[in-house]
């Protein structure tokens, strides 16, 4: 369902942003 997919998208973006910032 889209609402669930958007929540998952937001969660994954947050994880990726931290990883992108912290990866040398």
PDBML (XML) file of the C-alpha atoms, coordinates in Angstrom:
<?xml version="1.0" encoding="UTF-8" ?>
<PDBx:datablock datablockName="MODEL"
   xmlns:PDBx="http://pdbml.pdb.org/schema/pdbx-v50.xsd"
   xmlns:xsi="http://www.w3.org/2001/XMLSchema-instance"
   xsi:schemaLocation="http://pdbml.pdb.org/schema/pdbx-v50.xsd pdbx-v50.xsd">
   <PDBx:atom_siteCategory>
      <PDBx:atom_site id="1">
         <PDBx:B_iso_or_equiv>0.00</PDBx:B_iso_or_equiv>
         <PDBx:Cartn_x>0.000</PDBx:Cartn_x>
         <PDBx:Cartn_y>0.000</PDBx:Cartn_y>
         <PDBx:Cartn_z>0.000</PDBx:Cartn_z>
         <PDBx:auth_asym_id>A</PDBx:auth_asym_id>
         <PDBx:auth_atom_id>CA</PDBx:auth_atom_id>
         <PDBx:auth_comp_id>UNK</PDBx:auth_comp_id>
         <PDBx:auth_seq_id>1</PDBx:auth_seq_id>
         <PDBx:group_PDB>ATOM</PDBx:group_PDB>
         <PDBx:label_alt_id xsi:nil="true" />
         <PDBx:label_asym_id>A</PDBx:label_asym_id>
         <PDBx:label_atom_id>CA</PDBx:label_atom_id>
         <PDBx:label_comp_id>UNK</PDBx:label_comp_id>
         <PDBx:label_entity_id>1</PDBx:label_entity_id>
         <PDBx:label_seq_id>1</PDBx:label_seq_id>
         <PDBx:occupancy>1.00</PDBx:occupancy>
         <PDBx:pdbx_PDB_model_num>1</PDBx:pdbx_PDB_model_num>
         <PDBx:type_symbol>C</PDBx:type_symbol>
      </PDBx:atom_site>
      <PDBx:atom_site id="2">
         <PDBx:B_iso_or_equiv>0.00</PDBx:B_iso_or_equiv>
         <PDBx:Cartn_x>1.269</PDBx:Cartn_x>
         <PDBx:Cartn_y>3.471</PDBx:Cartn_y>
         <PDBx:Cartn_z>-0.877</PDBx:Cartn_z>
         <PDBx:auth_asym_id>A</PDBx:auth_asym_id>
         <PDBx:auth_atom_id>CA</PDBx:auth_atom_id>
         <PDBx:auth_comp_id>UNK</PDBx:auth_comp_id>
         <PDBx:auth_seq_id>2</PDBx:auth_seq_id>
         <PDBx:group_PDB>ATOM</PDBx:group_PDB>
         <PDBx:label_alt_id xsi:nil="true" />
         <PDBx:label_asym_id>A</PDBx:label_asym_id>
         <PDBx:label_atom_id>CA</PDBx:label_atom_id>
         <PDBx:label_comp_id>UNK</PDBx:label_comp_id>
         <PDBx:label_entity_id>1</PDBx:label_entity_id>
         <PDBx:label_seq_id>2</PDBx:label_seq_id>
         <PDBx:occupancy>1.00</PDBx:occupancy>
         <PDBx:pdbx_PDB_model_num>1</PDBx:pdbx_PDB_model_num>
         <PDBx:type_symbol>C</PDBx:type_symbol>
      </PDBx:atom_site>
      <PDBx:atom_site id="3">
         <PDBx:B_iso_or_equiv>0.00</PDBx:B_iso_or_equiv>
         <PDBx:Cartn_x>1.137</PDBx:Cartn_x>
         <PDBx:Cartn_y>4.869</PDBx:Cartn_y>
         <PDBx:Cartn_z>2.673</PDBx:Cartn_z>
         <PDBx:auth_asym_id>A</PDBx:auth_asym_id>
         <PDBx:auth_atom_id>CA</PDBx:auth_atom_id>
         <PDBx:auth_comp_id>UNK</PDBx:auth_comp_id>
         <PDBx:auth_seq_id>3</PDBx:auth_seq_id>
         <PDBx:group_PDB>ATOM</PDBx:group_PDB>
         <PDBx:label_alt_id xsi:nil="true" />
         <PDBx:label_asym_id>A</PDBx:label_asym_id>
         <PDBx:label_atom_id>CA</PDBx:label_atom_id>
         <PDBx:label_comp_id>UNK</PDBx:label_comp_id>
         <PDBx:label_entity_id>1</PDBx:label_entity_id>
         <PDBx:label_seq_id>3</PDBx:label_seq_id>
         <PDBx:occupancy>1.00</PDBx:occupancy>
         <PDBx:pdbx_PDB_model_num>1</PDBx:pdbx_PDB_model_num>
         <PDBx:type_symbol>C</PDBx:type_symbol>
      </PDBx:atom_site>
      <PDBx:atom_site id="4">
         <PDBx:B_iso_or_equiv>0.00</PDBx:B_iso_or_equiv>
         <PDBx:Cartn_x>3.310</PDBx:Cartn_x>
         <PDBx:Cartn_y>1.971</PDBx:Cartn_y>
         <PDBx:Cartn_z>3.836</PDBx:Cartn_z>
         <PDBx:auth_asym_id>A</PDBx:auth_asym_id>
         <PDBx:auth_atom_id>CA</PDBx:auth_atom_id>
         <PDBx:auth_comp_id>UNK</PDBx:auth_comp_id>
         <PDBx:auth_seq_id>4</PDBx:auth_seq_id>
         <PDBx:group_PDB>ATOM</PDBx:group_PDB>
         <PDBx:label_alt_id xsi:nil="true" />
         <PDBx:label_asym_id>A</PDBx:label_asym_id>
         <PDBx:label_atom_id>CA</PDBx:label_atom_id>
         <PDBx:label_comp_id>UNK</PDBx:label_comp_id>
         <PDBx:label_entity_id>1</PDBx:label_entity_id>
         <PDBx:label_seq_id>4</PDBx:label_seq_id>
         <PDBx:occupancy>1.00</PDBx:occupancy>
         <PDBx:pdbx_PDB_model_num>1</PDBx:pdbx_PDB_model_num>
         <PDBx:type_symbol>C</PDBx:type_symbol>
      </PDBx:atom_site>
      <PDBx:atom_site id="5">
         <PDBx:B_iso_or_equiv>0.00</PDBx:B_iso_or_equiv>
         <PDBx:Cartn_x>5.626</PDBx:Cartn_x>
         <PDBx:Cartn_y>2.412</PDBx:Cartn_y>
         <PDBx:Cartn_z>0.845</PDBx:Cartn_z>
         <PDBx:auth_asym_id>A</PDBx:auth_asym_id>
         <PDBx:auth_atom_id>CA</PDBx:auth_atom_id>
         <PDBx:auth_comp_id>UNK</PDBx:auth_comp_id>
         <PDBx:auth_seq_id>5</PDBx:auth_seq_id>
         <PDBx:group_PDB>ATOM</PDBx:group_PDB>
         <PDBx:label_alt_id xsi:nil="true" />
         <PDBx:label_asym_id>A</PDBx:label_asym_id>
         <PDBx:label_atom_id>CA</PDBx:label_atom_id>
         <PDBx:label_comp_id>UNK</PDBx:label_comp_id>
         <PDBx:label_entity_id>1</PDBx:label_entity_id>
         <PDBx:label_seq_id>5</PDBx:label_seq_id>
         <PDBx:occupancy>1.00</PDBx:occupancy>
         <PDBx:pdbx_PDB_model_num>1</PDBx:pdbx_PDB_model_num>
         <PDBx:type_symbol>C</PDBx:type_symbol>
      </PDBx:atom_site>
      <PDBx:atom_site id="6">
         <PDBx:B_iso_or_equiv>0.00</PDBx:B_iso_or_equiv>
         <PDBx:Cartn_x>6.063</PDBx:Cartn_x>
         <PDBx:Cartn_y>6.135</PDBx:Cartn_y>
         <PDBx:Cartn_z>1.575</PDBx:Cartn_z>
         <PDBx:auth_asym_id>A</PDBx:auth_asym_id>
         <PDBx:auth_atom_id>CA</PDBx:auth_atom_id>
         <PDBx:auth_comp_id>UNK</PDBx:auth_comp_id>
         <PDBx:auth_seq_id>6</PDBx:auth_seq_id>
         <PDBx:group_PDB>ATOM</PDBx:group_PDB>
         <PDBx:label_alt_id xsi:nil="true" />
         <PDBx:label_asym_id>A</PDBx:label_asym_id>
         <PDBx:label_atom_id>CA</PDBx:label_atom_id>
         <PDBx:label_comp_id>UNK</PDBx:label_comp_id>
         <PDBx:label_entity_id>1</PDBx:label_entity_id>
         <PDBx:label_seq_id>6</PDBx:label_seq_id>
         <PDBx:occupancy>1.00</PDBx:occupancy>
         <PDBx:pdbx_PDB_model_num>1</PDBx:pdbx_PDB_model_num>
         <PDBx:type_symbol>C</PDBx:type_symbol>
      </PDBx:atom_site>
      <PDBx:atom_site id="7">
         <PDBx:B_iso_or_equiv>0.00</PDBx:B_iso_or_equiv>
         <PDBx:Cartn_x>6.919</PDBx:Cartn_x>
         <PDBx:Cartn_y>5.410</PDBx:Cartn_y>
         <PDBx:Cartn_z>5.214</PDBx:Cartn_z>
         <PDBx:auth_asym_id>A</PDBx:auth_asym_id>
         <PDBx:auth_atom_id>CA</PDBx:auth_atom_id>
         <PDBx:auth_comp_id>UNK</PDBx:auth_comp_id>
         <PDBx:auth_seq_id>7</PDBx:auth_seq_id>
         <PDBx:group_PDB>ATOM</PDBx:group_PDB>
         <PDBx:label_alt_id xsi:nil="true" />
         <PDBx:label_asym_id>A</PDBx:label_asym_id>
         <PDBx:label_atom_id>CA</PDBx:label_atom_id>
         <PDBx:label_comp_id>UNK</PDBx:label_comp_id>
         <PDBx:label_entity_id>1</PDBx:label_entity_id>
         <PDBx:label_seq_id>7</PDBx:label_seq_id>
         <PDBx:occupancy>1.00</PDBx:occupancy>
         <PDBx:pdbx_PDB_model_num>1</PDBx:pdbx_PDB_model_num>
         <PDBx:type_symbol>C</PDBx:type_symbol>
      </PDBx:atom_site>
      <PDBx:atom_site id="8">
         <PDBx:B_iso_or_equiv>0.00</PDBx:B_iso_or_equiv>
         <PDBx:Cartn_x>9.459</PDBx:Cartn_x>
         <PDBx:Cartn_y>2.809</PDBx:Cartn_y>
         <PDBx:Cartn_z>4.050</PDBx:Cartn_z>
         <PDBx:auth_asym_id>A</PDBx:auth_asym_id>
         <PDBx:auth_atom_id>CA</PDBx:auth_atom_id>
         <PDBx:auth_comp_id>UNK</PDBx:auth_comp_id>
         <PDBx:auth_seq_id>8</PDBx:auth_seq_id>
         <PDBx:group_PDB>ATOM</PDBx:group_PDB>
         <PDBx:label_alt_id xsi:nil="true" />
         <PDBx:label_asym_id>A</PDBx:label_asym_id>
         <PDBx:label_atom_id>CA</PDBx:label_atom_id>
         <PDBx:label_comp_id>UNK</PDBx:label_comp_id>
         <PDBx:label_entity_id>1</PDBx:label_entity_id>
         <PDBx:label_seq_id>8</PDBx:label_seq_id>
         <PDBx:occupancy>1.00</PDBx:occupancy>
         <PDBx:pdbx_PDB_model_num>1</PDBx:pdbx_PDB_model_num>
         <PDBx:type_symbol>C</PDBx:type_symbol>
      </PDBx:atom_site>
      <PDBx:atom_site id="9">
         <PDBx:B_iso_or_equiv>0.00</PDBx:B_iso_or_equiv>
         <PDBx:Cartn_x>10.850</PDBx:Cartn_x>
         <PDBx:Cartn_y>5.298</PDBx:Cartn_y>
         <PDBx:Cartn_z>1.513</PDBx:Cartn_z>
         <PDBx:auth_asym_id>A</PDBx:auth_asym_id>
         <PDBx:auth_atom_id>CA</PDBx:auth_atom_id>
         <PDBx:auth_comp_id>UNK</PDBx:auth_comp_id>
         <PDBx:auth_seq_id>9</PDBx:auth_seq_id>
         <PDBx:group_PDB>ATOM</PDBx:group_PDB>
         <PDBx:label_alt_id xsi:nil="true" />
         <PDBx:label_asym_id>A</PDBx:label_asym_id>
         <PDBx:label_atom_id>CA</PDBx:label_atom_id>
         <PDBx:label_comp_id>UNK</PDBx:label_comp_id>
         <PDBx:label_entity_id>1</PDBx:label_entity_id>
         <PDBx:label_seq_id>9</PDBx:label_seq_id>
         <PDBx:occupancy>1.00</PDBx:occupancy>
         <PDBx:pdbx_PDB_model_num>1</PDBx:pdbx_PDB_model_num>
         <PDBx:type_symbol>C</PDBx:type_symbol>
      </PDBx:atom_site>
      <PDBx:atom_site id="10">
         <PDBx:B_iso_or_equiv>0.00</PDBx:B_iso_or_equiv>
         <PDBx:Cartn_x>11.336</PDBx:Cartn_x>
         <PDBx:Cartn_y>7.892</PDBx:Cartn_y>
         <PDBx:Cartn_z>4.240</PDBx:Cartn_z>
         <PDBx:auth_asym_id>A</PDBx:auth_asym_id>
         <PDBx:auth_atom_id>CA</PDBx:auth_atom_id>
         <PDBx:auth_comp_id>UNK</PDBx:auth_comp_id>
         <PDBx:auth_seq_id>10</PDBx:auth_seq_id>
         <PDBx:group_PDB>ATOM</PDBx:group_PDB>
         <PDBx:label_alt_id xsi:nil="true" />
         <PDBx:label_asym_id>A</PDBx:label_asym_id>
         <PDBx:label_atom_id>CA</PDBx:label_atom_id>
         <PDBx:label_comp_id>UNK</PDBx:label_comp_id>
         <PDBx:label_entity_id>1</PDBx:label_entity_id>
         <PDBx:label_seq_id>10</PDBx:label_seq_id>
         <PDBx:occupancy>1.00</PDBx:occupancy>
         <PDBx:pdbx_PDB_model_num>1</PDBx:pdbx_PDB_model_num>
         <PDBx:type_symbol>C</PDBx:type_symbol>
      </PDBx:atom_site>
      <PDBx:atom_site id="11">
         <PDBx:B_iso_or_equiv>0.00</PDBx:B_iso_or_equiv>
         <PDBx:Cartn_x>13.001</PDBx:Cartn_x>
         <PDBx:Cartn_y>5.321</PDBx:Cartn_y>
         <PDBx:Cartn_z>6.516</PDBx:Cartn_z>
         <PDBx:auth_asym_id>A</PDBx:auth_asym_id>
         <PDBx:auth_atom_id>CA</PDBx:auth_atom_id>
         <PDBx:auth_comp_id>UNK</PDBx:auth_comp_id>
         <PDBx:auth_seq_id>11</PDBx:auth_seq_id>
         <PDBx:group_PDB>ATOM</PDBx:group_PDB>
         <PDBx:label_alt_id xsi:nil="true" />
         <PDBx:label_asym_id>A</PDBx:label_asym_id>
         <PDBx:label_atom_id>CA</PDBx:label_atom_id>
         <PDBx:label_comp_id>UNK</PDBx:label_comp_id>
         <PDBx:label_entity_id>1</PDBx:label_entity_id>
         <PDBx:label_seq_id>11</PDBx:label_seq_id>
         <PDBx:occupancy>1.00</PDBx:occupancy>
         <PDBx:pdbx_PDB_model_num>1</PDBx:pdbx_PDB_model_num>
         <PDBx:type_symbol>C</PDBx:type_symbol>
      </PDBx:atom_site>
      <PDBx:atom_site id="12">
         <PDBx:B_iso_or_equiv>0.00</PDBx:B_iso_or_equiv>
         <PDBx:Cartn_x>15.379</PDBx:Cartn_x>
         <PDBx:Cartn_y>4.149</PDBx:Cartn_y>
         <PDBx:Cartn_z>3.786</PDBx:Cartn_z>
         <PDBx:auth_asym_id>A</PDBx:auth_asym_id>
         <PDBx:auth_atom_id>CA</PDBx:auth_atom_id>
         <PDBx:auth_comp_id>UNK</PDBx:auth_comp_id>
         <PDBx:auth_seq_id>12</PDBx:auth_seq_id>
         <PDBx:group_PDB>ATOM</PDBx:group_PDB>
         <PDBx:label_alt_id xsi:nil="true" />
         <PDBx:label_asym_id>A</PDBx:label_asym_id>
         <PDBx:label_atom_id>CA</PDBx:label_atom_id>
         <PDBx:label_comp_id>UNK</PDBx:label_comp_id>
         <PDBx:label_entity_id>1</PDBx:label_entity_id>
         <PDBx:label_seq_id>12</PDBx:label_seq_id>
         <PDBx:occupancy>1.00</PDBx:occupancy>
         <PDBx:pdbx_PDB_model_num>1</PDBx:pdbx_PDB_model_num>
         <PDBx:type_symbol>C</PDBx:type_symbol>
      </PDBx:atom_site>
      <PDBx:atom_site id="13">
         <PDBx:B_iso_or_equiv>0.00</PDBx:B_iso_or_equiv>
         <PDBx:Cartn_x>16.262</PDBx:Cartn_x>
         <PDBx:Cartn_y>7.715</PDBx:Cartn_y>
         <PDBx:Cartn_z>2.787</PDBx:Cartn_z>
         <PDBx:auth_asym_id>A</PDBx:auth_asym_id>
         <PDBx:auth_atom_id>CA</PDBx:auth_atom_id>
         <PDBx:auth_comp_id>UNK</PDBx:auth_comp_id>
         <PDBx:auth_seq_id>13</PDBx:auth_seq_id>
         <PDBx:group_PDB>ATOM</PDBx:group_PDB>
         <PDBx:label_alt_id xsi:nil="true" />
         <PDBx:label_asym_id>A</PDBx:label_asym_id>
         <PDBx:label_atom_id>CA</PDBx:label_atom_id>
         <PDBx:label_comp_id>UNK</PDBx:label_comp_id>
         <PDBx:label_entity_id>1</PDBx:label_entity_id>
         <PDBx:label_seq_id>13</PDBx:label_seq_id>
         <PDBx:occupancy>1.00</PDBx:occupancy>
         <PDBx:pdbx_PDB_model_num>1</PDBx:pdbx_PDB_model_num>
         <PDBx:type_symbol>C</PDBx:type_symbol>
      </PDBx:atom_site>
      <PDBx:atom_site id="14">
         <PDBx:B_iso_or_equiv>0.00</PDBx:B_iso_or_equiv>
         <PDBx:Cartn_x>17.200</PDBx:Cartn_x>
         <PDBx:Cartn_y>8.459</PDBx:Cartn_y>
         <PDBx:Cartn_z>6.394</PDBx:Cartn_z>
         <PDBx:auth_asym_id>A</PDBx:auth_asym_id>
         <PDBx:auth_atom_id>CA</PDBx:auth_atom_id>
         <PDBx:auth_comp_id>UNK</PDBx:auth_comp_id>
         <PDBx:auth_seq_id>14</PDBx:auth_seq_id>
         <PDBx:group_PDB>ATOM</PDBx:group_PDB>
         <PDBx:label_alt_id xsi:nil="true" />
         <PDBx:label_asym_id>A</PDBx:label_asym_id>
         <PDBx:label_atom_id>CA</PDBx:label_atom_id>
         <PDBx:label_comp_id>UNK</PDBx:label_comp_id>
         <PDBx:label_entity_id>1</PDBx:label_entity_id>
         <PDBx:label_seq_id>14</PDBx:label_seq_id>
         <PDBx:occupancy>1.00</PDBx:occupancy>
         <PDBx:pdbx_PDB_model_num>1</PDBx:pdbx_PDB_model_num>
         <PDBx:type_symbol>C</PDBx:type_symbol>
      </PDBx:atom_site>
      <PDBx:atom_site id="15">
         <PDBx:B_iso_or_equiv>0.00</PDBx:B_iso_or_equiv>
         <PDBx:Cartn_x>19.454</PDBx:Cartn_x>
         <PDBx:Cartn_y>5.380</PDBx:Cartn_y>
         <PDBx:Cartn_z>6.536</PDBx:Cartn_z>
         <PDBx:auth_asym_id>A</PDBx:auth_asym_id>
         <PDBx:auth_atom_id>CA</PDBx:auth_atom_id>
         <PDBx:auth_comp_id>UNK</PDBx:auth_comp_id>
         <PDBx:auth_seq_id>15</PDBx:auth_seq_id>
         <PDBx:group_PDB>ATOM</PDBx:group_PDB>
         <PDBx:label_alt_id xsi:nil="true" />
         <PDBx:label_asym_id>A</PDBx:label_asym_id>
         <PDBx:label_atom_id>CA</PDBx:label_atom_id>
         <PDBx:label_comp_id>UNK</PDBx:label_comp_id>
         <PDBx:label_entity_id>1</PDBx:label_entity_id>
         <PDBx:label_seq_id>15</PDBx:label_seq_id>
         <PDBx:occupancy>1.00</PDBx:occupancy>
         <PDBx:pdbx_PDB_model_num>1</PDBx:pdbx_PDB_model_num>
         <PDBx:type_symbol>C</PDBx:type_symbol>
      </PDBx:atom_site>
      <PDBx:atom_site id="16">
         <PDBx:B_iso_or_equiv>0.00</PDBx:B_iso_or_equiv>
         <PDBx:Cartn_x>21.071</PDBx:Cartn_x>
         <PDBx:Cartn_y>6.158</PDBx:Cartn_y>
         <PDBx:Cartn_z>3.190</PDBx:Cartn_z>
         <PDBx:auth_asym_id>A</PDBx:auth_asym_id>
         <PDBx:auth_atom_id>CA</PDBx:auth_atom_id>
         <PDBx:auth_comp_id>UNK</PDBx:auth_comp_id>
         <PDBx:auth_seq_id>16</PDBx:auth_seq_id>
         <PDBx:group_PDB>ATOM</PDBx:group_PDB>
         <PDBx:label_alt_id xsi:nil="true" />
         <PDBx:label_asym_id>A</PDBx:label_asym_id>
         <PDBx:label_atom_id>CA</PDBx:label_atom_id>
         <PDBx:label_comp_id>UNK</PDBx:label_comp_id>
         <PDBx:label_entity_id>1</PDBx:label_entity_id>
         <PDBx:label_seq_id>16</PDBx:label_seq_id>
         <PDBx:occupancy>1.00</PDBx:occupancy>
         <PDBx:pdbx_PDB_model_num>1</PDBx:pdbx_PDB_model_num>
         <PDBx:type_symbol>C</PDBx:type_symbol>
      </PDBx:atom_site>
      <PDBx:atom_site id="17">
         <PDBx:B_iso_or_equiv>0.00</PDBx:B_iso_or_equiv>
         <PDBx:Cartn_x>21.716</PDBx:Cartn_x>
         <PDBx:Cartn_y>9.789</PDBx:Cartn_y>
         <PDBx:Cartn_z>4.079</PDBx:Cartn_z>
         <PDBx:auth_asym_id>A</PDBx:auth_asym_id>
         <PDBx:auth_atom_id>CA</PDBx:auth_atom_id>
         <PDBx:auth_comp_id>UNK</PDBx:auth_comp_id>
         <PDBx:auth_seq_id>17</PDBx:auth_seq_id>
         <PDBx:group_PDB>ATOM</PDBx:group_PDB>
         <PDBx:label_alt_id xsi:nil="true" />
         <PDBx:label_asym_id>A</PDBx:label_asym_id>
         <PDBx:label_atom_id>CA</PDBx:label_atom_id>
         <PDBx:label_comp_id>UNK</PDBx:label_comp_id>
         <PDBx:label_entity_id>1</PDBx:label_entity_id>
         <PDBx:label_seq_id>17</PDBx:label_seq_id>
         <PDBx:occupancy>1.00</PDBx:occupancy>
         <PDBx:pdbx_PDB_model_num>1</PDBx:pdbx_PDB_model_num>
         <PDBx:type_symbol>C</PDBx:type_symbol>
      </PDBx:atom_site>
      <PDBx:atom_site id="18">
         <PDBx:B_iso_or_equiv>0.00</PDBx:B_iso_or_equiv>
         <PDBx:Cartn_x>23.596</PDBx:Cartn_x>
         <PDBx:Cartn_y>8.800</PDBx:Cartn_y>
         <PDBx:Cartn_z>7.235</PDBx:Cartn_z>
         <PDBx:auth_asym_id>A</PDBx:auth_asym_id>
         <PDBx:auth_atom_id>CA</PDBx:auth_atom_id>
         <PDBx:auth_comp_id>UNK</PDBx:auth_comp_id>
         <PDBx:auth_seq_id>18</PDBx:auth_seq_id>
         <PDBx:group_PDB>ATOM</PDBx:group_PDB>
         <PDBx:label_alt_id xsi:nil="true" />
         <PDBx:label_asym_id>A</PDBx:label_asym_id>
         <PDBx:label_atom_id>CA</PDBx:label_atom_id>
         <PDBx:label_comp_id>UNK</PDBx:label_comp_id>
         <PDBx:label_entity_id>1</PDBx:label_entity_id>
         <PDBx:label_seq_id>18</PDBx:label_seq_id>
         <PDBx:occupancy>1.00</PDBx:occupancy>
         <PDBx:pdbx_PDB_model_num>1</PDBx:pdbx_PDB_model_num>
         <PDBx:type_symbol>C</PDBx:type_symbol>
      </PDBx:atom_site>
      <PDBx:atom_site id="19">
         <PDBx:B_iso_or_equiv>0.00</PDBx:B_iso_or_equiv>
         <PDBx:Cartn_x>25.551</PDBx:Cartn_x>
         <PDBx:Cartn_y>6.168</PDBx:Cartn_y>
         <PDBx:Cartn_z>5.342</PDBx:Cartn_z>
         <PDBx:auth_asym_id>A</PDBx:auth_asym_id>
         <PDBx:auth_atom_id>CA</PDBx:auth_atom_id>
         <PDBx:auth_comp_id>UNK</PDBx:auth_comp_id>
         <PDBx:auth_seq_id>19</PDBx:auth_seq_id>
         <PDBx:group_PDB>ATOM</PDBx:group_PDB>
         <PDBx:label_alt_id xsi:nil="true" />
         <PDBx:label_asym_id>A</PDBx:label_asym_id>
         <PDBx:label_atom_id>CA</PDBx:label_atom_id>
         <PDBx:label_comp_id>UNK</PDBx:label_comp_id>
         <PDBx:label_entity_id>1</PDBx:label_entity_id>
         <PDBx:label_seq_id>19</PDBx:label_seq_id>
         <PDBx:occupancy>1.00</PDBx:occupancy>
         <PDBx:pdbx_PDB_model_num>1</PDBx:pdbx_PDB_model_num>
         <PDBx:type_symbol>C</PDBx:type_symbol>
      </PDBx:atom_site>
      <PDBx:atom_site id="20">
         <PDBx:B_iso_or_equiv>0.00</PDBx:B_iso_or_equiv>
         <PDBx:Cartn_x>26.339</PDBx:Cartn_x>
         <PDBx:Cartn_y>8.589</PDBx:Cartn_y>
         <PDBx:Cartn_z>2.523</PDBx:Cartn_z>
         <PDBx:auth_asym_id>A</PDBx:auth_asym_id>
         <PDBx:auth_atom_id>CA</PDBx:auth_atom_id>
         <PDBx:auth_comp_id>UNK</PDBx:auth_comp_id>
         <PDBx:auth_seq_id>20</PDBx:auth_seq_id>
         <PDBx:group_PDB>ATOM</PDBx:group_PDB>
         <PDBx:label_alt_id xsi:nil="true" />
         <PDBx:label_asym_id>A</PDBx:label_asym_id>
         <PDBx:label_atom_id>CA</PDBx:label_atom_id>
         <PDBx:label_comp_id>UNK</PDBx:label_comp_id>
         <PDBx:label_entity_id>1</PDBx:label_entity_id>
         <PDBx:label_seq_id>20</PDBx:label_seq_id>
         <PDBx:occupancy>1.00</PDBx:occupancy>
         <PDBx:pdbx_PDB_model_num>1</PDBx:pdbx_PDB_model_num>
         <PDBx:type_symbol>C</PDBx:type_symbol>
      </PDBx:atom_site>
      <PDBx:atom_site id="21">
         <PDBx:B_iso_or_equiv>0.00</PDBx:B_iso_or_equiv>
         <PDBx:Cartn_x>27.555</PDBx:Cartn_x>
         <PDBx:Cartn_y>11.205</PDBx:Cartn_y>
         <PDBx:Cartn_z>4.966</PDBx:Cartn_z>
         <PDBx:auth_asym_id>A</PDBx:auth_asym_id>
         <PDBx:auth_atom_id>CA</PDBx:auth_atom_id>
         <PDBx:auth_comp_id>UNK</PDBx:auth_comp_id>
         <PDBx:auth_seq_id>21</PDBx:auth_seq_id>
         <PDBx:group_PDB>ATOM</PDBx:group_PDB>
         <PDBx:label_alt_id xsi:nil="true" />
         <PDBx:label_asym_id>A</PDBx:label_asym_id>
         <PDBx:label_atom_id>CA</PDBx:label_atom_id>
         <PDBx:label_comp_id>UNK</PDBx:label_comp_id>
         <PDBx:label_entity_id>1</PDBx:label_entity_id>
         <PDBx:label_seq_id>21</PDBx:label_seq_id>
         <PDBx:occupancy>1.00</PDBx:occupancy>
         <PDBx:pdbx_PDB_model_num>1</PDBx:pdbx_PDB_model_num>
         <PDBx:type_symbol>C</PDBx:type_symbol>
      </PDBx:atom_site>
      <PDBx:atom_site id="22">
         <PDBx:B_iso_or_equiv>0.00</PDBx:B_iso_or_equiv>
         <PDBx:Cartn_x>29.592</PDBx:Cartn_x>
         <PDBx:Cartn_y>8.760</PDBx:Cartn_y>
         <PDBx:Cartn_z>7.049</PDBx:Cartn_z>
         <PDBx:auth_asym_id>A</PDBx:auth_asym_id>
         <PDBx:auth_atom_id>CA</PDBx:auth_atom_id>
         <PDBx:auth_comp_id>UNK</PDBx:auth_comp_id>
         <PDBx:auth_seq_id>22</PDBx:auth_seq_id>
         <PDBx:group_PDB>ATOM</PDBx:group_PDB>
         <PDBx:label_alt_id xsi:nil="true" />
         <PDBx:label_asym_id>A</PDBx:label_asym_id>
         <PDBx:label_atom_id>CA</PDBx:label_atom_id>
         <PDBx:label_comp_id>UNK</PDBx:label_comp_id>
         <PDBx:label_entity_id>1</PDBx:label_entity_id>
         <PDBx:label_seq_id>22</PDBx:label_seq_id>
         <PDBx:occupancy>1.00</PDBx:occupancy>
         <PDBx:pdbx_PDB_model_num>1</PDBx:pdbx_PDB_model_num>
         <PDBx:type_symbol>C</PDBx:type_symbol>
      </PDBx:atom_site>
      <PDBx:atom_site id="23">
         <PDBx:B_iso_or_equiv>0.00</PDBx:B_iso_or_equiv>
         <PDBx:Cartn_x>31.213</PDBx:Cartn_x>
         <PDBx:Cartn_y>6.756</PDBx:Cartn_y>
         <PDBx:Cartn_z>4.242</PDBx:Cartn_z>
         <PDBx:auth_asym_id>A</PDBx:auth_asym_id>
         <PDBx:auth_atom_id>CA</PDBx:auth_atom_id>
         <PDBx:auth_comp_id>UNK</PDBx:auth_comp_id>
         <PDBx:auth_seq_id>23</PDBx:auth_seq_id>
         <PDBx:group_PDB>ATOM</PDBx:group_PDB>
         <PDBx:label_alt_id xsi:nil="true" />
         <PDBx:label_asym_id>A</PDBx:label_asym_id>
         <PDBx:label_atom_id>CA</PDBx:label_atom_id>
         <PDBx:label_comp_id>UNK</PDBx:label_comp_id>
         <PDBx:label_entity_id>1</PDBx:label_entity_id>
         <PDBx:label_seq_id>23</PDBx:label_seq_id>
         <PDBx:occupancy>1.00</PDBx:occupancy>
         <PDBx:pdbx_PDB_model_num>1</PDBx:pdbx_PDB_model_num>
         <PDBx:type_symbol>C</PDBx:type_symbol>
      </PDBx:atom_site>
      <PDBx:atom_site id="24">
         <PDBx:B_iso_or_equiv>0.00</PDBx:B_iso_or_equiv>
         <PDBx:Cartn_x>34.711</PDBx:Cartn_x>
         <PDBx:Cartn_y>8.118</PDBx:Cartn_y>
         <PDBx:Cartn_z>3.633</PDBx:Cartn_z>
         <PDBx:auth_asym_id>A</PDBx:auth_asym_id>
         <PDBx:auth_atom_id>CA</PDBx:auth_atom_id>
         <PDBx:auth_comp_id>UNK</PDBx:auth_comp_id>
         <PDBx:auth_seq_id>24</PDBx:auth_seq_id>
         <PDBx:group_PDB>ATOM</PDBx:group_PDB>
         <PDBx:label_alt_id xsi:nil="true" />
         <PDBx:label_asym_id>A</PDBx:label_asym_id>
         <PDBx:label_atom_id>CA</PDBx:label_atom_id>
         <PDBx:label_comp_id>UNK</PDBx:label_comp_id>
         <PDBx:label_entity_id>1</PDBx:label_entity_id>
         <PDBx:label_seq_id>24</PDBx:label_seq_id>
         <PDBx:occupancy>1.00</PDBx:occupancy>
         <PDBx:pdbx_PDB_model_num>1</PDBx:pdbx_PDB_model_num>
         <PDBx:type_symbol>C</PDBx:type_symbol>
      </PDBx:atom_site>
   </PDBx:atom_siteCategory>
</PDBx:datablock>
